[in-house]
């Protein structure tokens, strides 16, 4: 479960490259127009938050190092899938560089920034509705496949555990019955020797079967715990 949640979070962080671009551009435009100090501080706060999300997504997609707040195992998983889309990696790098340029143009002429953002938006439309969309589908598809396999493994482990416990219960009932027979044999005189010999052999066989079934049950429960934790 923890692994699945970490992967979900990583996919959301990757998708933030798409979802936060609009916010970043909006606050860039707002900051490029004259406003009082309080409003400017407000706009800068939200622009920096959006830019941090975009930067993190870029680091996951196109980076090579660890990413803060991103689970290392989930990051490794995501990057293996992302490697299947080299065109996305290249285009995301280029587009991220353009967003960096947009931020540096905030204090310039508003008309120049608007023209620049319009040009970037046209590229964004192609990027996000094309190869980036396929990348997100790849990540989500693998997540769904992993969850389906995990559910199947859980069902199998549960069925095995129930089967083992049923066997133990049946064997226990047989042992109790044989114990009753042994008590009856004990009341006899003469034939008791032969009877106890046979009964002792059967009890030994059943004891071994119980031990085997208990081992199977324990192993199945371990499998259940691993599946539930995975």
Protein backbone atom coordinates (compact mmCIF):
# COMPACT_ATOMS: atom_id res chain seq x y z
CA UNK A 1 0.00 0.00 0.00
CA UNK A 2 2.79 2.45 0.94
CA UNK A 3 4.57 1.75 -2.35
CA UNK A 4 1.39 2.34 -4.35
CA UNK A 5 0.68 5.64 -2.58
CA UNK A 6 4.26 6.82 -3.17
CA UNK A 7 3.91 6.09 -6.88
CA UNK A 8 0.57 7.90 -7.02
CA UNK A 9 2.17 10.95 -5.43
CA UNK A 10 5.04 10.85 -7.91
CA UNK A 11 2.66 10.71 -10.88
CA UNK A 12 0.81 13.70 -9.45
CA UNK A 13 4.11 15.57 -9.13
CA UNK A 14 4.96 14.77 -12.76
CA UNK A 15 1.54 15.91 -13.92
CA UNK A 16 2.06 19.16 -12.02
CA UNK A 17 4.27 20.24 -14.93
CA UNK A 18 1.06 20.56 -16.90
CA UNK A 19 -1.32 21.72 -14.17
CA UNK A 20 0.90 24.45 -12.71
CA UNK A 21 2.05 26.09 -15.95
CA UNK A 22 -1.20 28.05 -16.29
CA UNK A 23 -0.92 29.40 -12.73
CA UNK A 24 2.70 30.34 -13.26
CA UNK A 25 1.89 32.29 -16.43
CA UNK A 26 -1.12 34.00 -14.84
CA UNK A 27 0.84 35.34 -11.89
CA UNK A 28 3.71 36.29 -14.18
CA UNK A 29 1.29 38.52 -16.10
CA UNK A 30 -0.14 39.99 -12.88
CA UNK A 31 3.35 40.81 -11.61
CA UNK A 32 4.26 42.50 -14.89
CA UNK A 33 1.54 45.12 -14.38
CA UNK A 34 1.84 47.95 -11.87
CA UNK A 35 0.33 47.14 -8.49
CA UNK A 36 0.78 48.03 -4.84
CA UNK A 37 3.35 46.27 -2.66
CA UNK A 38 0.81 44.03 -0.90
CA UNK A 39 -0.62 42.71 -4.16
CA UNK A 40 2.82 42.17 -5.61
CA UNK A 41 3.87 40.15 -2.57
CA UNK A 42 0.68 38.10 -2.91
CA UNK A 43 1.32 37.41 -6.60
CA UNK A 44 4.97 36.54 -5.98
CA UNK A 45 3.96 34.02 -3.32
CA UNK A 46 1.68 32.12 -5.67
CA UNK A 47 4.03 32.39 -8.62
CA UNK A 48 6.88 30.93 -6.57
CA UNK A 49 4.64 28.08 -5.37
CA UNK A 50 3.64 27.24 -8.96
CA UNK A 51 7.22 27.52 -10.15
CA UNK A 52 8.41 25.16 -7.38
CA UNK A 53 5.89 22.54 -8.58
CA UNK A 54 7.01 22.98 -12.19
CA UNK A 55 10.68 22.78 -11.21
CA UNK A 56 10.12 19.58 -9.22
CA UNK A 57 8.23 17.96 -12.10
CA UNK A 58 11.04 18.89 -14.46
CA UNK A 59 13.58 17.39 -12.05
CA UNK A 60 11.64 14.12 -11.93
CA UNK A 61 11.26 13.93 -15.70
CA UNK A 62 14.54 15.30 -16.95
CA UNK A 63 16.83 15.23 -13.90
CA UNK A 64 19.35 12.66 -12.76
CA UNK A 65 19.54 13.29 -9.03
CA UNK A 66 17.27 12.64 -6.07
CA UNK A 67 14.27 14.94 -5.79
CA UNK A 68 13.24 16.34 -2.39
CA UNK A 69 9.83 15.12 -1.16
CA UNK A 70 9.87 12.34 -3.76
CA UNK A 71 10.16 8.72 -2.58
CA UNK A 72 13.43 7.26 -4.01
CA UNK A 73 11.85 3.93 -5.01
CA UNK A 74 8.87 5.65 -6.63
CA UNK A 75 11.22 8.06 -8.40
CA UNK A 76 13.26 5.16 -9.79
CA UNK A 77 10.05 3.46 -10.97
CA UNK A 78 8.80 6.62 -12.69
CA UNK A 79 12.10 7.35 -14.41
CA UNK A 80 12.31 3.85 -15.87
CA UNK A 81 8.95 4.44 -17.54
CA UNK A 82 9.83 7.99 -18.54
CA UNK A 83 12.93 6.68 -20.31
CA UNK A 84 10.55 5.06 -22.78
CA UNK A 85 9.60 8.57 -23.93
CA UNK A 86 12.86 10.34 -24.84
CA UNK A 87 10.94 12.90 -26.90
CA UNK A 88 9.06 13.98 -23.78
CA UNK A 89 12.29 14.40 -21.81
CA UNK A 90 13.78 16.61 -24.51
CA UNK A 91 10.68 18.73 -24.99
CA UNK A 92 10.07 19.16 -21.28
CA UNK A 93 13.63 20.40 -20.84
CA UNK A 94 13.15 22.94 -23.64
CA UNK A 95 9.77 24.06 -22.37
CA UNK A 96 11.07 24.40 -18.82
CA UNK A 97 13.82 26.66 -20.10
CA UNK A 98 11.13 28.85 -21.70
CA UNK A 99 9.27 29.14 -18.40
CA UNK A 100 12.51 30.27 -16.79
CA UNK A 101 12.78 32.96 -19.47
CA UNK A 102 9.19 34.01 -18.81
CA UNK A 103 9.94 34.61 -15.13
CA UNK A 104 12.97 36.76 -15.99
CA UNK A 105 10.80 38.92 -18.28
CA UNK A 106 8.34 39.85 -15.53
CA UNK A 107 10.02 43.17 -14.81
CA UNK A 108 10.27 44.03 -18.50
CA UNK A 109 7.65 45.52 -20.81
CA UNK A 110 4.23 43.91 -20.23
CA UNK A 111 3.53 43.73 -23.97
CA UNK A 112 6.78 41.87 -24.55
CA UNK A 113 5.95 39.36 -21.80
CA UNK A 114 2.44 38.82 -23.18
CA UNK A 115 3.77 38.17 -26.67
CA UNK A 116 6.32 35.73 -25.27
CA UNK A 117 3.71 33.90 -23.17
CA UNK A 118 1.39 33.55 -26.14
CA UNK A 119 4.18 31.91 -28.12
CA UNK A 120 4.96 29.57 -25.21
CA UNK A 121 1.28 28.70 -24.79
CA UNK A 122 1.08 27.56 -28.39
CA UNK A 123 3.99 25.20 -27.72
CA UNK A 124 2.37 24.06 -24.48
CA UNK A 125 -0.79 23.08 -26.33
CA UNK A 126 1.22 20.80 -28.61
CA UNK A 127 3.33 19.38 -25.79
CA UNK A 128 0.60 18.64 -23.26
CA UNK A 129 -2.00 17.35 -25.70
CA UNK A 130 0.54 15.15 -27.40
CA UNK A 131 3.56 13.32 -26.03
CA UNK A 132 3.17 14.50 -22.41
CA UNK A 133 -0.35 13.08 -22.34
CA UNK A 134 1.05 9.73 -23.50
CA UNK A 135 3.63 9.83 -20.72
CA UNK A 136 0.96 10.30 -18.05
CA UNK A 137 -1.05 7.46 -19.60
CA UNK A 138 2.03 5.21 -19.39
CA UNK A 139 2.57 6.01 -15.71
CA UNK A 140 -1.10 5.57 -14.80
CA UNK A 141 -1.34 2.39 -16.86
CA UNK A 142 1.56 0.80 -15.02
CA UNK A 143 0.04 1.88 -11.71
CA UNK A 144 -3.24 0.20 -12.59
CA UNK A 145 -1.47 -2.98 -13.72
CA UNK A 146 0.55 -3.07 -10.51
CA UNK A 147 -2.57 -2.64 -8.38
CA UNK A 148 -4.39 -5.37 -10.31
CA UNK A 149 -1.47 -7.79 -9.81
CA UNK A 150 -1.33 -6.88 -6.14
CA UNK A 151 -5.05 -7.54 -5.72
CA UNK A 152 -4.69 -10.92 -7.46
CA UNK A 153 -1.77 -11.85 -5.21
CA UNK A 154 -3.81 -10.87 -2.17
CA UNK A 155 -6.75 -13.03 -3.28
CA UNK A 156 -4.46 -16.01 -3.91
CA UNK A 157 -2.73 -15.65 -0.55
CA UNK A 158 -6.07 -15.32 1.23
CA UNK A 159 -7.46 -18.45 -0.46
CA UNK A 160 -4.31 -20.44 0.42
CA UNK A 161 -4.52 -19.35 4.05
CA UNK A 162 -8.19 -20.29 4.31
CA UNK A 163 -7.50 -23.67 2.71
CA UNK A 164 -4.66 -24.39 5.11
CA UNK A 165 -6.74 -23.41 8.13
CA UNK A 166 -9.59 -25.64 6.93
CA UNK A 167 -7.17 -28.57 6.67
CA UNK A 168 -5.93 -27.93 10.20
CA UNK A 169 -9.46 -27.85 11.53
CA UNK A 170 -10.36 -31.15 9.79
CA UNK A 171 -7.19 -32.83 11.04
CA UNK A 172 -7.81 -31.64 14.59
CA UNK A 173 -11.25 -33.21 14.53
CA UNK A 174 -9.72 -36.49 13.35
CA UNK A 175 -7.15 -36.42 16.12
CA UNK A 176 -9.87 -35.93 18.70
CA UNK A 177 -11.81 -38.86 17.26
CA UNK A 178 -8.76 -41.12 17.36
CA UNK A 179 -8.08 -40.03 20.94
CA UNK A 180 -11.60 -41.14 21.80
CA UNK A 181 -10.93 -44.49 20.14
CA UNK A 182 -7.74 -44.78 22.16
CA UNK A 183 -9.72 -44.30 25.35
CA UNK A 184 -12.07 -47.08 24.29
CA UNK A 185 -9.11 -49.37 23.54
CA UNK A 186 -7.65 -48.59 26.94
CA UNK A 187 -10.76 -50.04 28.55
CA UNK A 188 -10.12 -53.33 26.89
CA UNK A 189 -7.83 -55.95 28.24
CA UNK A 190 -5.96 -58.30 25.95
CA UNK A 191 -6.35 -56.60 22.60
CA UNK A 192 -5.11 -53.27 23.94
CA UNK A 193 -1.51 -53.84 22.92
CA UNK A 194 -2.24 -54.31 19.24
CA UNK A 195 -4.84 -51.54 19.20
CA UNK A 196 -2.61 -48.94 20.79
CA UNK A 197 0.19 -49.75 18.35
CA UNK A 198 -2.03 -48.99 15.36
CA UNK A 199 -3.53 -45.91 16.99
CA UNK A 200 -0.12 -44.54 17.92
CA UNK A 201 0.97 -44.81 14.29
CA UNK A 202 -2.10 -42.96 13.08
CA UNK A 203 -1.68 -40.22 15.66
CA UNK A 204 1.94 -39.75 14.60
CA UNK A 205 0.88 -39.42 10.94
CA UNK A 206 -1.77 -36.90 11.85
CA UNK A 207 0.64 -34.93 14.00
CA UNK A 208 3.01 -34.63 11.04
CA UNK A 209 0.11 -33.52 8.84
CA UNK A 210 -0.87 -30.90 11.39
CA UNK A 211 2.69 -29.57 11.51
CA UNK A 212 2.79 -29.36 7.71
CA UNK A 213 -0.57 -27.61 7.51
CA UNK A 214 0.45 -25.17 10.24
CA UNK A 215 3.61 -24.35 8.31
CA UNK A 216 1.58 -23.74 5.15
CA UNK A 217 -0.82 -21.50 7.05
CA UNK A 218 2.03 -19.49 8.55
CA UNK A 219 3.67 -19.05 5.14
CA UNK A 220 0.36 -17.96 3.61
CA UNK A 221 -0.18 -15.42 6.36
CA UNK A 222 3.33 -14.08 5.77
CA UNK A 223 2.43 -13.69 2.10
CA UNK A 224 -0.69 -11.81 3.12
CA UNK A 225 1.32 -9.44 5.29
CA UNK A 226 3.80 -8.80 2.49
CA UNK A 227 1.02 -8.12 -0.02
CA UNK A 228 -0.80 -5.84 2.39
CA UNK A 229 2.40 -3.93 3.07
CA UNK A 230 3.49 -3.76 -0.57
